[in-house]
N, C-alpha and C. Protein backbone atom coordinates (compact mmCIF):
# COMPACT_ATOMS: atom_id res chain seq x y z
N MET A 1 111.60 112.52 96.10
CA MET A 1 110.60 113.14 95.33
C MET A 1 111.31 112.50 94.04
N LYS A 2 112.08 112.19 93.32
CA LYS A 2 112.36 111.89 92.30
C LYS A 2 111.78 110.08 92.21
N LEU A 3 111.33 109.31 93.02
CA LEU A 3 110.62 108.30 92.66
C LEU A 3 109.29 108.58 92.37
N LEU A 4 108.36 109.64 93.39
CA LEU A 4 106.87 110.14 92.81
C LEU A 4 106.87 110.36 91.56
N LYS A 5 108.05 111.17 90.78
CA LYS A 5 107.95 112.11 89.56
C LYS A 5 108.28 110.51 88.87
N GLU A 6 108.90 109.72 88.94
CA GLU A 6 108.91 108.66 87.83
C GLU A 6 107.76 107.94 88.16
N ILE A 7 107.10 107.40 88.86
CA ILE A 7 105.98 106.93 88.97
C ILE A 7 104.56 107.93 88.17
N ILE A 8 104.57 109.20 88.28
CA ILE A 8 103.84 109.74 88.07
C ILE A 8 104.18 109.70 86.37
N GLU A 9 105.67 109.62 85.93
CA GLU A 9 105.47 109.96 84.67
C GLU A 9 105.38 108.23 83.92
N GLN A 10 105.07 107.07 84.59
CA GLN A 10 104.86 106.03 84.24
C GLN A 10 103.24 105.63 84.41
N TRP A 11 102.71 106.73 84.93
CA TRP A 11 100.90 106.78 84.51
C TRP A 11 100.50 105.76 86.23
N GLY A 12 101.47 105.71 87.06
CA GLY A 12 101.01 105.42 88.26
C GLY A 12 101.31 103.70 88.37
N PHE A 13 101.96 103.49 87.57
CA PHE A 13 102.52 101.99 86.91
C PHE A 13 104.14 102.02 88.25
N VAL A 14 104.28 100.97 88.88
CA VAL A 14 105.41 100.81 89.91
C VAL A 14 106.56 99.39 89.55
N THR A 15 107.58 99.93 89.33
CA THR A 15 108.23 98.57 88.89
C THR A 15 108.92 98.07 90.27
N ALA A 16 109.64 96.48 90.42
CA ALA A 16 110.09 95.91 91.06
C ALA A 16 110.89 97.12 91.98
N GLU A 17 111.60 97.72 91.54
CA GLU A 17 112.70 98.23 92.31
C GLU A 17 112.28 99.45 92.59
N GLN A 18 111.04 100.25 92.08
CA GLN A 18 110.25 101.53 92.89
C GLN A 18 109.32 100.81 93.74
N CYS A 19 108.64 99.81 94.03
CA CYS A 19 108.13 99.11 94.83
C CYS A 19 109.01 98.88 96.38
N THR A 20 110.02 98.79 95.70
CA THR A 20 111.08 98.60 97.50
C THR A 20 111.34 99.82 97.77
N GLU A 21 111.29 100.65 96.80
CA GLU A 21 111.71 102.14 97.32
C GLU A 21 110.54 102.40 98.13
N LEU A 22 109.67 102.72 97.56
CA LEU A 22 108.25 103.04 98.18
C LEU A 22 107.86 102.30 99.35
N ALA A 23 108.38 100.93 99.74
CA ALA A 23 108.01 100.24 100.94
C ALA A 23 109.13 100.79 101.91
N LYS A 24 110.20 101.41 101.56
CA LYS A 24 111.01 101.91 102.47
C LYS A 24 110.82 103.25 103.31
N TYR A 25 110.38 104.17 102.23
CA TYR A 25 110.20 105.81 102.60
C TYR A 25 108.17 105.69 102.43
N PHE A 26 107.91 105.18 101.94
CA PHE A 26 106.06 105.29 102.04
C PHE A 26 105.16 104.08 102.25
N PRO A 27 105.85 103.17 103.30
CA PRO A 27 105.06 102.05 103.49
C PRO A 27 103.91 101.59 103.32
N LYS A 28 103.01 102.45 103.69
CA LYS A 28 101.44 102.60 103.65
C LYS A 28 100.81 102.68 102.69
N THR A 29 101.50 102.99 101.52
CA THR A 29 100.90 103.28 99.79
C THR A 29 100.05 102.15 99.67
N GLU A 30 98.77 102.70 98.97
CA GLU A 30 98.34 101.07 99.01
C GLU A 30 98.26 101.05 97.14
N LEU A 31 98.84 99.88 96.70
CA LEU A 31 99.34 99.39 95.42
C LEU A 31 98.22 98.42 95.14
N ILE A 32 98.27 98.49 93.76
CA ILE A 32 97.37 97.08 93.30
C ILE A 32 98.15 96.48 92.54
N ILE A 33 97.79 94.92 92.75
CA ILE A 33 98.48 94.14 92.19
C ILE A 33 97.74 93.40 91.50
N GLN A 34 98.16 93.42 89.81
CA GLN A 34 97.42 93.04 88.72
C GLN A 34 97.83 91.27 88.63
N TRP A 35 97.14 90.27 89.15
CA TRP A 35 97.50 88.92 88.59
C TRP A 35 97.35 88.43 87.50
N GLY A 36 97.92 87.55 86.77
CA GLY A 36 97.59 86.89 85.59
C GLY A 36 96.17 86.35 85.34
N GLY A 37 95.70 85.69 86.45
CA GLY A 37 94.55 85.34 86.28
C GLY A 37 93.42 85.34 87.60
N LYS A 38 94.18 85.66 88.79
CA LYS A 38 93.47 86.40 90.03
C LYS A 38 93.14 87.55 89.66
N PRO A 39 91.81 87.70 90.91
CA PRO A 39 91.39 89.43 90.66
C PRO A 39 92.77 90.23 90.84
N ARG A 40 92.34 91.52 91.02
CA ARG A 40 93.24 92.51 91.38
C ARG A 40 92.97 92.56 92.82
N GLU A 41 94.44 92.96 93.38
CA GLU A 41 94.06 92.53 94.90
C GLU A 41 95.00 94.28 95.54
N ALA A 42 94.62 94.51 96.48
CA ALA A 42 95.26 95.66 96.90
C ALA A 42 96.04 95.44 98.15
N CYS A 43 97.12 95.87 98.06
CA CYS A 43 97.83 95.61 99.29
C CYS A 43 98.88 96.97 99.29
N ARG A 44 99.23 97.05 100.72
CA ARG A 44 100.49 98.03 100.78
C ARG A 44 101.78 97.74 100.31
N ALA A 45 102.65 99.08 100.17
CA ALA A 45 103.34 98.91 99.60
C ALA A 45 104.69 98.12 100.61
N MET A 46 104.63 97.98 101.91
CA MET A 46 105.45 97.16 102.41
C MET A 46 105.20 95.90 102.41
N TYR A 47 104.23 95.51 102.07
CA TYR A 47 103.72 93.61 102.07
C TYR A 47 103.61 93.34 100.31
N VAL A 48 103.74 94.09 99.19
CA VAL A 48 103.45 93.58 98.02
C VAL A 48 104.89 92.44 97.54
N ALA A 49 105.99 93.07 97.84
CA ALA A 49 107.21 92.02 97.26
C ALA A 49 106.87 90.53 98.01
N GLY A 50 106.41 90.63 99.20
CA GLY A 50 106.22 89.34 100.12
C GLY A 50 105.18 88.68 99.86
N ARG A 51 104.19 89.55 99.18
CA ARG A 51 102.79 88.47 98.75
C ARG A 51 103.00 88.36 97.28
N ILE A 52 103.78 88.88 96.39
CA ILE A 52 104.15 88.61 95.27
C ILE A 52 104.78 87.11 95.14
N LYS A 53 105.93 87.09 96.51
CA LYS A 53 106.49 85.84 96.16
C LYS A 53 105.85 84.79 96.79
N VAL A 54 105.01 84.90 97.64
CA VAL A 54 104.32 83.91 98.16
C VAL A 54 103.44 82.90 97.10
N VAL A 55 102.37 84.23 96.50
CA VAL A 55 101.90 83.79 95.19
C VAL A 55 102.47 82.97 93.78
N GLU A 56 103.55 83.54 93.34
CA GLU A 56 103.90 83.06 92.49
C GLU A 56 104.99 81.83 92.74
N ASP A 57 105.64 81.51 93.92
CA ASP A 57 106.63 80.37 94.49
C ASP A 57 105.42 79.25 94.52
N SER A 58 104.02 79.67 95.03
CA SER A 58 102.94 78.31 94.90
C SER A 58 102.62 78.15 93.84
N GLY A 59 102.92 78.89 92.49
CA GLY A 59 102.69 78.57 91.22
C GLY A 59 101.00 78.85 91.06
N GLU A 60 100.55 79.53 91.95
CA GLU A 60 99.23 79.75 92.25
C GLU A 60 99.00 80.79 90.86
N ASP A 61 99.72 81.61 90.61
CA ASP A 61 99.17 82.76 89.54
C ASP A 61 101.06 83.39 89.46
N TYR A 62 100.66 84.47 88.44
CA TYR A 62 102.35 85.33 88.07
C TYR A 62 101.45 86.58 88.50
N VAL A 63 102.59 88.02 88.42
CA VAL A 63 102.26 89.07 88.23
C VAL A 63 102.14 89.87 87.27
N ARG A 64 101.10 90.52 86.43
CA ARG A 64 101.25 91.45 85.48
C ARG A 64 101.87 92.44 85.67
N GLN A 65 101.36 93.45 86.65
CA GLN A 65 101.54 94.75 87.14
C GLN A 65 101.37 94.98 88.44
N VAL A 66 101.95 96.31 88.90
CA VAL A 66 101.51 96.83 89.98
C VAL A 66 101.39 98.20 89.84
N PHE A 67 100.42 98.79 90.56
CA PHE A 67 100.16 100.30 90.39
C PHE A 67 99.49 100.70 91.50
N ILE A 68 99.37 102.02 91.20
CA ILE A 68 98.74 102.96 92.32
C ILE A 68 97.49 102.93 92.07
N LYS A 69 96.41 103.04 93.13
CA LYS A 69 95.12 103.15 92.77
C LYS A 69 95.02 104.68 92.15
N SER A 70 93.89 104.77 91.02
CA SER A 70 93.76 105.99 90.51
C SER A 70 93.19 106.92 91.40
N GLU A 71 92.65 106.54 92.53
CA GLU A 71 92.19 107.83 93.27
C GLU A 71 93.53 108.25 93.86
N SER A 72 94.39 107.59 94.50
CA SER A 72 95.73 108.23 95.29
C SER A 72 96.72 108.67 94.08
N PHE A 73 96.43 108.05 93.24
CA PHE A 73 97.53 108.87 91.65
C PHE A 73 96.68 110.44 91.46
N ARG A 74 95.54 110.41 91.57
CA ARG A 74 95.13 111.87 91.22
C ARG A 74 95.35 112.62 92.36
N LYS A 75 95.30 112.15 93.35
CA LYS A 75 95.91 112.92 94.67
C LYS A 75 97.64 113.26 94.84
N LEU A 76 97.92 112.29 94.43
CA LEU A 76 99.38 112.62 94.15
C LEU A 76 100.09 113.89 93.18
N LYS A 77 99.28 113.62 91.67
CA LYS A 77 99.30 114.59 90.92
C LYS A 77 99.01 116.17 91.61
N SER A 78 98.04 116.12 92.06
CA SER A 78 97.53 117.16 92.80
C SER A 78 98.21 118.08 93.75
N VAL A 79 99.00 117.08 94.30
CA VAL A 79 99.85 117.57 95.98
C VAL A 79 100.93 118.09 95.00
N LEU A 80 101.74 117.57 93.91
CA LEU A 80 102.84 117.69 93.43
C LEU A 80 102.75 118.85 92.37
N GLY A 81 101.18 119.29 92.17
CA GLY A 81 101.07 120.49 91.23
C GLY A 81 101.26 120.26 89.66
N VAL A 82 100.87 118.73 89.60
CA VAL A 82 100.90 118.32 88.20
C VAL A 82 99.58 118.63 87.64
N GLU A 83 99.66 118.96 86.52
CA GLU A 83 98.41 119.58 85.56
C GLU A 83 97.56 117.92 85.29
N LEU A 84 96.23 118.14 85.58
CA LEU A 84 95.41 117.02 85.16
C LEU A 84 95.03 117.18 83.84
N ASP A 85 94.74 116.38 82.80
CA ASP A 85 94.15 116.34 81.69
C ASP A 85 92.96 116.09 81.73
N SER A 86 91.68 116.90 81.69
CA SER A 86 90.11 116.52 82.16
C SER A 86 89.84 115.94 80.69
N GLY A 87 90.23 115.68 80.14
CA GLY A 87 89.93 115.11 78.64
C GLY A 87 90.51 113.51 78.73
N ASN A 88 91.06 113.24 79.80
CA ASN A 88 91.34 112.06 79.96
C ASN A 88 91.21 111.02 80.75
N PRO A 89 90.40 110.11 80.98
CA PRO A 89 89.65 109.50 82.20
C PRO A 89 90.54 108.95 82.75
N MET A 90 91.88 108.53 82.79
CA MET A 90 92.59 107.61 83.16
C MET A 90 93.40 108.67 84.20
N LEU A 91 93.34 110.04 84.02
CA LEU A 91 94.11 110.76 85.10
C LEU A 91 93.00 111.30 86.38
């Protein structure tokens, strides 16, 4: 529960440590990898670390950030009873 609360407080962005924890407890959570130059890529939490390693080790690109899809973020907030800010399109 603490993990999910932290991710909500970070507006859906996920750190490397949190990604490892998500992969352990919620492995099928779909995350988005935002690369430096490549298009964004959807990837399940259980595969994110491996995918990042492959791309960065090849020198093809680097990771800018990893985050939960906005649709999933909204659902998570709803399930946990966190108020949605209707004036902010990011929520």
